[in-house]
Amino acid sequence: MTATKTRRLEARTDEQTEQLVADASALLHMSKTAFIEEAVRTAARKVVARADVTIMSADVFDSMMRAIDEPDHSPALADLARVPHLIGR
């Protein structure tokens, strides 16, 4: 079942973009509205999906993992680790 569409989006564009959308939607036998809606939905989903992902090269990832595996010299943190715990395990 298709949801009733009650919202409206408007955008200003140049003549070339309007013609490009018209040509592309005609080639796909879609209305301009359907073409734009599908393109916007696809782009928005991609942006939202990537929001929770960190993308980095393999070299950067390997460097990060080496840094995580090598402990830093931190006397202040070592001192805190020796403080008696208020909550026991």
Protein backbone atom coordinates (compact mmCIF):
# COMPACT_ATOMS: atom_id res chain seq x y z
CA MET A 1 0.00 0.00 0.00
CA THR A 2 1.42 3.38 -1.01
CA ALA A 3 1.30 6.16 1.55
CA THR A 4 -0.67 9.25 0.60
CA LYS A 5 1.70 12.03 -0.33
CA THR A 6 0.81 15.19 1.52
CA ARG A 7 4.16 16.99 1.68
CA ARG A 8 5.60 19.29 -0.94
CA LEU A 9 9.22 20.11 -1.78
CA GLU A 10 10.12 22.92 -4.14
CA ALA A 11 13.46 23.80 -5.66
CA ARG A 12 14.75 26.44 -8.01
CA THR A 13 17.11 25.29 -10.72
CA ASP A 14 18.69 26.41 -13.95
CA GLU A 15 17.37 25.63 -17.43
CA GLN A 16 20.03 23.01 -18.17
CA THR A 17 19.29 21.01 -15.01
CA GLU A 18 15.56 21.16 -15.67
CA GLN A 19 16.14 19.85 -19.21
CA LEU A 20 18.47 17.12 -17.95
CA VAL A 21 15.84 15.94 -15.47
CA ALA A 22 13.16 16.04 -18.16
CA ASP A 23 15.33 14.03 -20.57
CA ALA A 24 16.35 11.45 -17.97
CA SER A 25 12.84 10.97 -16.62
CA ALA A 26 11.50 10.56 -20.17
CA LEU A 27 14.12 7.91 -20.91
CA LEU A 28 12.97 6.00 -17.83
CA HIS A 29 9.28 6.58 -18.62
CA MET A 30 8.82 8.34 -15.29
CA SER A 31 7.35 11.67 -14.35
CA LYS A 32 9.84 14.36 -13.38
CA THR A 33 8.42 14.22 -9.86
CA ALA A 34 8.98 10.45 -9.58
CA PHE A 35 12.48 10.77 -11.03
CA ILE A 36 13.47 13.54 -8.64
CA GLU A 37 11.88 11.81 -5.66
CA GLU A 38 13.77 8.58 -6.37
CA ALA A 39 17.08 10.41 -6.91
CA VAL A 40 16.68 12.45 -3.73
CA ARG A 41 15.66 9.41 -1.67
CA THR A 42 18.66 7.43 -2.95
CA ALA A 43 21.09 10.26 -2.20
CA ALA A 44 19.60 10.90 1.24
CA ARG A 45 19.78 7.22 2.22
CA LYS A 46 23.43 7.12 1.18
CA VAL A 47 24.26 10.19 3.30
CA VAL A 48 22.41 8.83 6.34
CA ALA A 49 24.01 5.38 5.98
CA ARG A 50 27.49 6.91 5.83
CA ALA A 51 26.91 9.13 8.88
CA ASP A 52 27.72 6.24 11.24
CA VAL A 53 30.68 4.91 9.26
CA THR A 54 34.25 6.14 9.36
CA ILE A 55 35.98 5.71 6.04
CA MET A 56 39.76 5.58 5.90
CA SER A 57 42.49 4.06 3.82
CA ALA A 58 44.03 0.73 4.80
CA ASP A 59 47.28 2.51 5.76
CA VAL A 60 45.47 4.88 8.11
CA PHE A 61 43.52 1.99 9.62
CA ASP A 62 46.71 -0.04 10.20
CA SER A 63 48.37 2.98 11.80
CA MET A 64 45.37 3.49 14.08
CA MET A 65 45.37 -0.17 15.13
CA ARG A 66 49.12 -0.05 15.93
CA ALA A 67 48.53 3.08 18.03
CA ILE A 68 45.75 1.34 19.95
CA ASP A 69 47.94 -1.70 20.62
CA GLU A 70 50.88 0.37 21.94
CA PRO A 71 50.21 1.73 25.42
CA ASP A 72 51.05 5.38 26.05
CA HIS A 73 53.23 6.36 28.97
CA SER A 74 50.76 8.06 31.29
CA PRO A 75 51.86 8.41 34.92
CA ALA A 76 48.64 10.23 35.86
CA LEU A 77 46.52 7.38 34.53
CA ALA A 78 48.70 4.83 36.32
CA ASP A 79 48.19 6.79 39.57
CA LEU A 80 44.42 6.75 39.04
CA ALA A 81 44.47 3.00 38.49
CA ARG A 82 46.02 2.57 41.95
CA VAL A 83 43.26 4.55 43.70
CA PRO A 84 40.97 2.24 45.71
CA HIS A 85 37.72 1.45 43.92
CA LEU A 86 34.47 2.59 45.48
CA ILE A 87 32.61 -0.25 43.81
CA GLY A 88 34.04 -3.72 43.97
CA ARG A 89 33.90 -6.29 41.26
